[in-house]
Amino acid sequence: MKLWFKDLDDTYQDVLDRARVEKLLGILHDDHGESTPPRAAEVDWVMRKNALSSPDSMTLAECETAVHTYESYLKRRPEIERAFAEYDADGDDFLNRAELSQYIAFELNAGDAPNDKELDWLMARVDVGGVFSGASDGLIGRTEIMRAKDEWCLMPESIGRGGSFVNRHRAPAGDVQLVESDDDESEPKKGCCVVM
């Protein structure tokens, strides 16, 4: 990272402006075998999330954090693209409430749609703004969908779970255990797991 930063900091100001951050992200694309450069919205997202000292540039420390964040996004990007190809029915590059419900049902809940209480709880935690979406806009963008997946897996019992595939049980020590239901095992199940 320090070598990349030094190479890109051709103004010798110890910061990278947006154009240079875009080049930095392009290096990460090359490392991950991405054939396309970063989208403008992806660069904007990285700047919003990491450019804390100035909205127009990033320090070395901010770039290091940005690289970790963006690499995590790139690792999950194929999964994100597949989810949007399958569940973004209106093709607007967002998942609305109904589309999110379908995603949860078929990707995380063995076909059972989440109820309104579960969706309300989930939307309150994940509609925070992402690469393409704004905070509290009622739309789930490409970075928010992975947060939705993670939050769904951690939903408290008091909120519930729409489906019967995964039942949560408390072990004596307070650890959460996930137990599969006795449903037909002929089809592979989808869901989430918690590392104990």
C-alpha atoms as a PDB file:
ATOM      1  CA  MET A   1       0.000   0.000   0.000  1.00  0.00           C
ATOM      2  CA  LYS A   2       2.785   2.414   0.886  1.00  0.00           C
ATOM      3  CA  LEU A   3       4.464   1.803  -2.483  1.00  0.00           C
ATOM      4  CA  TRP A   4       1.204   2.331  -4.374  1.00  0.00           C
ATOM      5  CA  PHE A   5       0.566   5.520  -2.400  1.00  0.00           C
ATOM      6  CA  LYS A   6       4.077   6.812  -3.073  1.00  0.00           C
ATOM      7  CA  ASP A   7       3.772   6.069  -6.805  1.00  0.00           C
ATOM      8  CA  LEU A   8       0.368   7.751  -7.058  1.00  0.00           C
ATOM      9  CA  ASP A   9       1.298  10.794  -4.933  1.00  0.00           C
ATOM     10  CA  ASP A  10       3.068  12.586  -7.790  1.00  0.00           C
ATOM     11  CA  THR A  11       2.159  15.979  -6.288  1.00  0.00           C
ATOM     12  CA  TYR A  12       4.119  15.140  -3.093  1.00  0.00           C
ATOM     13  CA  GLN A  13       1.343  16.458  -0.846  1.00  0.00           C
ATOM     14  CA  ASP A  14       0.972  13.200   1.142  1.00  0.00           C
ATOM     15  CA  VAL A  15      -2.657  12.852   0.001  1.00  0.00           C
ATOM     16  CA  LEU A  16      -4.406  11.310  -2.987  1.00  0.00           C
ATOM     17  CA  ASP A  17      -7.164  13.253  -4.708  1.00  0.00           C
ATOM     18  CA  ARG A  18     -10.213  11.529  -6.199  1.00  0.00           C
ATOM     19  CA  ALA A  19      -8.546  10.847  -9.564  1.00  0.00           C
ATOM     20  CA  ARG A  20      -5.596   9.179  -7.852  1.00  0.00           C
ATOM     21  CA  VAL A  21      -7.878   7.185  -5.541  1.00  0.00           C
ATOM     22  CA  GLU A  22      -9.629   5.950  -8.692  1.00  0.00           C
ATOM     23  CA  LYS A  23      -6.245   4.786 -10.016  1.00  0.00           C
ATOM     24  CA  LEU A  24      -5.590   3.052  -6.683  1.00  0.00           C
ATOM     25  CA  LEU A  25      -8.914   1.214  -6.941  1.00  0.00           C
ATOM     26  CA  GLY A  26      -8.014   0.311 -10.522  1.00  0.00           C
ATOM     27  CA  ILE A  27      -4.889  -1.423  -9.202  1.00  0.00           C
ATOM     28  CA  LEU A  28      -7.135  -3.477  -6.904  1.00  0.00           C
ATOM     29  CA  HIS A  29      -9.360  -4.344  -9.867  1.00  0.00           C
ATOM     30  CA  ASP A  30      -6.302  -5.645 -11.710  1.00  0.00           C
ATOM     31  CA  ASP A  31      -5.299  -7.718  -8.661  1.00  0.00           C
ATOM     32  CA  HIS A  32      -8.802  -9.256  -8.502  1.00  0.00           C
ATOM     33  CA  GLY A  33      -8.983 -10.000 -12.227  1.00  0.00           C
ATOM     34  CA  GLU A  34     -11.641  -7.357 -12.872  1.00  0.00           C
ATOM     35  CA  SER A  35     -11.710  -6.404 -16.540  1.00  0.00           C
ATOM     36  CA  THR A  36     -13.497  -3.088 -16.019  1.00  0.00           C
ATOM     37  CA  PRO A  37     -12.263  -0.015 -14.146  1.00  0.00           C
ATOM     38  CA  PRO A  38     -14.023   1.082 -10.945  1.00  0.00           C
ATOM     39  CA  ARG A  39     -17.401   2.725 -11.523  1.00  0.00           C
ATOM     40  CA  ALA A  40     -17.690   6.403 -10.658  1.00  0.00           C
ATOM     41  CA  ALA A  41     -20.236   5.517  -7.959  1.00  0.00           C
ATOM     42  CA  GLU A  42     -17.795   3.039  -6.413  1.00  0.00           C
ATOM     43  CA  VAL A  43     -15.077   5.704  -6.233  1.00  0.00           C
ATOM     44  CA  ASP A  44     -17.598   8.161  -4.741  1.00  0.00           C
ATOM     45  CA  TRP A  45     -18.590   5.562  -2.137  1.00  0.00           C
ATOM     46  CA  VAL A  46     -14.953   4.920  -1.162  1.00  0.00           C
ATOM     47  CA  MET A  47     -14.346   8.668  -0.844  1.00  0.00           C
ATOM     48  CA  ARG A  48     -17.507   9.213   1.270  1.00  0.00           C
ATOM     49  CA  LYS A  49     -16.682   6.306   3.533  1.00  0.00           C
ATOM     50  CA  ASN A  50     -12.958   6.900   4.016  1.00  0.00           C
ATOM     51  CA  ALA A  51     -11.957  10.511   3.238  1.00  0.00           C
ATOM     52  CA  LEU A  52     -12.357  11.756   6.786  1.00  0.00           C
ATOM     53  CA  SER A  53      -9.758  14.524   6.932  1.00  0.00           C
ATOM     54  CA  SER A  54     -10.946  16.136   3.675  1.00  0.00           C
ATOM     55  CA  PRO A  55     -13.853  15.234   1.365  1.00  0.00           C
ATOM     56  CA  ASP A  56     -11.632  15.660  -1.707  1.00  0.00           C
ATOM     57  CA  SER A  57      -8.532  13.672  -0.767  1.00  0.00           C
ATOM     58  CA  MET A  58      -7.274  10.794   1.347  1.00  0.00           C
ATOM     59  CA  THR A  59      -4.179  10.364   3.515  1.00  0.00           C
ATOM     60  CA  LEU A  60      -2.096   7.188   3.553  1.00  0.00           C
ATOM     61  CA  ALA A  61      -3.944   5.901   6.642  1.00  0.00           C
ATOM     62  CA  GLU A  62      -7.314   6.601   5.017  1.00  0.00           C
ATOM     63  CA  CYS A  63      -6.169   4.861   1.826  1.00  0.00           C
ATOM     64  CA  GLU A  64      -5.109   1.801   3.820  1.00  0.00           C
ATOM     65  CA  THR A  65      -8.594   1.570   5.338  1.00  0.00           C
ATOM     66  CA  ALA A  66     -10.165   2.204   1.941  1.00  0.00           C
ATOM     67  CA  VAL A  67      -8.157  -0.596   0.349  1.00  0.00           C
ATOM     68  CA  HIS A  68      -9.340  -3.095   2.970  1.00  0.00           C
ATOM     69  CA  THR A  69     -12.948  -1.966   2.545  1.00  0.00           C
ATOM     70  CA  TYR A  70     -12.818  -2.080  -1.233  1.00  0.00           C
ATOM     71  CA  GLU A  71     -11.050  -5.453  -1.339  1.00  0.00           C
ATOM     72  CA  SER A  72     -13.828  -6.916   0.822  1.00  0.00           C
ATOM     73  CA  TYR A  73     -16.363  -5.477  -1.613  1.00  0.00           C
ATOM     74  CA  LEU A  74     -14.499  -6.908  -4.618  1.00  0.00           C
ATOM     75  CA  LYS A  75     -14.373 -10.369  -3.033  1.00  0.00           C
ATOM     76  CA  ARG A  76     -18.163 -10.334  -2.615  1.00  0.00           C
ATOM     77  CA  ARG A  77     -18.871  -8.584  -5.916  1.00  0.00           C
ATOM     78  CA  PRO A  78     -19.674 -11.781  -7.897  1.00  0.00           C
ATOM     79  CA  GLU A  79     -22.230 -12.728  -5.242  1.00  0.00           C
ATOM     80  CA  ILE A  80     -23.651  -9.186  -5.299  1.00  0.00           C
ATOM     81  CA  GLU A  81     -23.909  -9.172  -9.093  1.00  0.00           C
ATOM     82  CA  ARG A  82     -25.691 -12.543  -9.071  1.00  0.00           C
ATOM     83  CA  ALA A  83     -28.156 -11.370  -6.404  1.00  0.00           C
ATOM     84  CA  PHE A  84     -29.002  -8.232  -8.364  1.00  0.00           C
ATOM     85  CA  ALA A  85     -29.306 -10.131 -11.648  1.00  0.00           C
ATOM     86  CA  GLU A  86     -31.789 -12.485 -10.004  1.00  0.00           C
ATOM     87  CA  TYR A  87     -33.795 -10.251  -7.652  1.00  0.00           C
ATOM     88  CA  ASP A  88     -33.712  -6.740  -9.139  1.00  0.00           C
ATOM     89  CA  ALA A  89     -36.940  -7.376 -11.060  1.00  0.00           C
ATOM     90  CA  ASP A  90     -37.412  -3.791 -12.294  1.00  0.00           C
ATOM     91  CA  GLY A  91     -33.736  -3.441 -13.289  1.00  0.00           C
ATOM     92  CA  ASP A  92     -33.207  -0.121 -11.485  1.00  0.00           C
ATOM     93  CA  ASP A  93     -29.988  -1.327  -9.773  1.00  0.00           C
ATOM     94  CA  PHE A  94     -31.628  -1.300  -6.332  1.00  0.00           C
ATOM     95  CA  LEU A  95     -33.668  -3.795  -4.347  1.00  0.00           C
ATOM     96  CA  ASN A  96     -36.925  -2.303  -3.129  1.00  0.00           C
ATOM     97  CA  ARG A  97     -38.780  -3.798  -0.170  1.00  0.00           C
ATOM     98  CA  ALA A  98     -40.561  -6.455  -2.249  1.00  0.00           C
ATOM     99  CA  GLU A  99     -37.363  -7.449  -4.060  1.00  0.00           C
ATOM    100  CA  LEU A 100     -35.464  -7.609  -0.760  1.00  0.00           C
ATOM    101  CA  SER A 101     -38.202  -9.849   0.607  1.00  0.00           C
ATOM    102  CA  GLN A 102     -37.707 -12.233  -2.323  1.00  0.00           C
ATOM    103  CA  TYR A 103     -33.928 -12.207  -1.811  1.00  0.00           C
ATOM    104  CA  ILE A 104     -34.307 -13.017   1.888  1.00  0.00           C
ATOM    105  CA  ALA A 105     -36.904 -15.699   1.204  1.00  0.00           C
ATOM    106  CA  PHE A 106     -34.997 -17.614  -1.439  1.00  0.00           C
ATOM    107  CA  GLU A 107     -31.390 -16.959  -0.464  1.00  0.00           C
ATOM    108  CA  LEU A 108     -31.545 -16.991   3.336  1.00  0.00           C
ATOM    109  CA  ASN A 109     -34.845 -18.436   4.495  1.00  0.00           C
ATOM    110  CA  ALA A 110     -35.585 -21.616   2.491  1.00  0.00           C
ATOM    111  CA  GLY A 111     -38.373 -19.991   0.464  1.00  0.00           C
ATOM    112  CA  ASP A 112     -40.302 -18.473   3.370  1.00  0.00           C
ATOM    113  CA  ALA A 113     -40.898 -14.741   2.951  1.00  0.00           C
ATOM    114  CA  PRO A 114     -40.000 -12.543   5.912  1.00  0.00           C
ATOM    115  CA  ASN A 115     -42.890 -10.844   7.693  1.00  0.00           C
ATOM    116  CA  ASP A 116     -43.346  -7.057   7.960  1.00  0.00           C
ATOM    117  CA  LYS A 117     -41.797  -6.874  11.430  1.00  0.00           C
ATOM    118  CA  GLU A 118     -38.676  -8.663  10.207  1.00  0.00           C
ATOM    119  CA  LEU A 119     -38.421  -6.472   7.104  1.00  0.00           C
ATOM    120  CA  ASP A 120     -38.905  -3.287   9.151  1.00  0.00           C
ATOM    121  CA  TRP A 121     -36.151  -4.368  11.539  1.00  0.00           C
ATOM    122  CA  LEU A 122     -33.842  -5.264   8.671  1.00  0.00           C
ATOM    123  CA  MET A 123     -34.458  -2.075   6.673  1.00  0.00           C
ATOM    124  CA  ALA A 124     -33.750   0.051   9.762  1.00  0.00           C
ATOM    125  CA  ARG A 125     -30.305  -1.539  10.022  1.00  0.00           C
ATOM    126  CA  VAL A 126     -29.223  -1.771   6.406  1.00  0.00           C
ATOM    127  CA  ASP A 127     -30.700   1.228   4.578  1.00  0.00           C
ATOM    128  CA  VAL A 128     -27.663   3.309   5.480  1.00  0.00           C
ATOM    129  CA  GLY A 129     -26.423   4.335   2.033  1.00  0.00           C
ATOM    130  CA  GLY A 130     -23.962   2.538  -0.143  1.00  0.00           C
ATOM    131  CA  VAL A 131     -22.282   2.597  -3.526  1.00  0.00           C
ATOM    132  CA  PHE A 132     -25.398   3.606  -5.440  1.00  0.00           C
ATOM    133  CA  SER A 133     -28.060   4.242  -2.804  1.00  0.00           C
ATOM    134  CA  GLY A 134     -28.674   6.910  -0.210  1.00  0.00           C
ATOM    135  CA  ALA A 135     -29.415   6.491   3.482  1.00  0.00           C
ATOM    136  CA  SER A 136     -33.062   5.853   4.440  1.00  0.00           C
ATOM    137  CA  ASP A 137     -34.221   5.947   0.822  1.00  0.00           C
ATOM    138  CA  GLY A 138     -36.099   2.637   1.069  1.00  0.00           C
ATOM    139  CA  LEU A 139     -33.761   1.067  -1.483  1.00  0.00           C
ATOM    140  CA  ILE A 140     -31.005  -1.453  -0.910  1.00  0.00           C
ATOM    141  CA  GLY A 141     -27.868  -0.951  -2.976  1.00  0.00           C
ATOM    142  CA  ARG A 142     -24.965  -3.196  -3.800  1.00  0.00           C
ATOM    143  CA  THR A 143     -23.012  -2.757  -0.581  1.00  0.00           C
ATOM    144  CA  GLU A 144     -26.132  -2.736   1.573  1.00  0.00           C
ATOM    145  CA  ILE A 145     -27.235  -6.170   0.290  1.00  0.00           C
ATOM    146  CA  MET A 146     -24.263  -7.831   1.971  1.00  0.00           C
ATOM    147  CA  ARG A 147     -25.070  -5.991   5.174  1.00  0.00           C
ATOM    148  CA  ALA A 148     -28.655  -7.273   4.839  1.00  0.00           C
ATOM    149  CA  LYS A 149     -27.364 -10.807   4.593  1.00  0.00           C
ATOM    150  CA  ASP A 150     -25.201 -10.407   7.678  1.00  0.00           C
ATOM    151  CA  GLU A 151     -27.902  -8.664   9.738  1.00  0.00           C
ATOM    152  CA  TRP A 152     -30.527 -11.283   8.839  1.00  0.00           C
ATOM    153  CA  CYS A 153     -28.272 -13.945  10.314  1.00  0.00           C
ATOM    154  CA  LEU A 154     -27.988 -11.990  13.563  1.00  0.00           C
ATOM    155  CA  MET A 155     -31.668 -11.109  13.989  1.00  0.00           C
ATOM    156  CA  PRO A 156     -32.746 -11.356  17.650  1.00  0.00           C
ATOM    157  CA  GLU A 157     -35.284 -13.985  18.607  1.00  0.00           C
ATOM    158  CA  SER A 158     -37.622 -11.221  19.804  1.00  0.00           C
ATOM    159  CA  ILE A 159     -38.011 -10.101  16.182  1.00  0.00           C
ATOM    160  CA  GLY A 160     -38.363 -13.643  14.869  1.00  0.00           C
ATOM    161  CA  ARG A 161     -37.517 -15.386  11.655  1.00  0.00           C
ATOM    162  CA  GLY A 162     -39.989 -15.836   8.819  1.00  0.00           C
ATOM    163  CA  GLY A 163     -39.049 -19.395   7.944  1.00  0.00           C
ATOM    164  CA  SER A 164     -38.616 -22.719   9.620  1.00  0.00           C
ATOM    165  CA  PHE A 165     -35.306 -23.758   8.066  1.00  0.00           C
ATOM    166  CA  VAL A 166     -33.081 -22.507  10.848  1.00  0.00           C
ATOM    167  CA  ASN A 167     -34.193 -22.567  14.456  1.00  0.00           C
ATOM    168  CA  ARG A 168     -32.111 -20.763  17.045  1.00  0.00           C
ATOM    169  CA  HIS A 169     -31.425 -22.490  20.342  1.00  0.00           C
ATOM    170  CA  ARG A 170     -29.448 -21.306  23.334  1.00  0.00           C
ATOM    171  CA  ALA A 171     -26.729 -23.590  24.563  1.00  0.00           C
ATOM    172  CA  PRO A 172     -26.104 -23.733  28.333  1.00  0.00           C
ATOM    173  CA  ALA A 173     -23.123 -21.395  28.023  1.00  0.00           C
ATOM    174  CA  GLY A 174     -25.190 -18.842  26.114  1.00  0.00           C
ATOM    175  CA  ASP A 175     -23.684 -19.652  22.706  1.00  0.00           C
ATOM    176  CA  VAL A 176     -26.037 -19.534  19.749  1.00  0.00           C
ATOM    177  CA  GLN A 177     -26.470 -22.823  17.934  1.00  0.00           C
ATOM    178  CA  LEU A 178     -28.236 -23.232  14.631  1.00  0.00           C
ATOM    179  CA  VAL A 179     -30.210 -26.400  14.128  1.00  0.00           C
ATOM    180  CA  GLU A 180     -31.685 -27.448  10.802  1.00  0.00           C
ATOM    181  CA  SER A 181     -35.336 -28.378  10.705  1.00  0.00           C
ATOM    182  CA  ASP A 182     -36.569 -31.795   9.660  1.00  0.00           C
ATOM    183  CA  ASP A 183     -37.599 -30.495   6.219  1.00  0.00           C
ATOM    184  CA  ASP A 184     -36.929 -32.543   3.106  1.00  0.00           C
ATOM    185  CA  GLU A 185     -33.158 -32.873   2.706  1.00  0.00           C
ATOM    186  CA  SER A 186     -33.268 -33.655  -1.036  1.00  0.00           C
ATOM    187  CA  GLU A 187     -32.539 -30.022  -1.994  1.00  0.00           C
ATOM    188  CA  PRO A 188     -29.531 -28.086  -0.788  1.00  0.00           C
ATOM    189  CA  LYS A 189     -30.540 -25.552   1.835  1.00  0.00           C
ATOM    190  CA  LYS A 190     -29.564 -21.919   1.847  1.00  0.00           C
ATOM    191  CA  GLY A 191     -29.223 -19.852   4.951  1.00  0.00           C
ATOM    192  CA  CYS A 192     -26.711 -18.338   7.257  1.00  0.00           C
ATOM    193  CA  CYS A 193     -24.382 -19.755   9.783  1.00  0.00           C
ATOM    194  CA  VAL A 194     -22.906 -18.390  12.959  1.00  0.00           C
ATOM    195  CA  VAL A 195     -19.397 -19.314  13.978  1.00  0.00           C
ATOM    196  CA  MET A 196     -19.366 -20.397  17.598  1.00  0.00           C
END
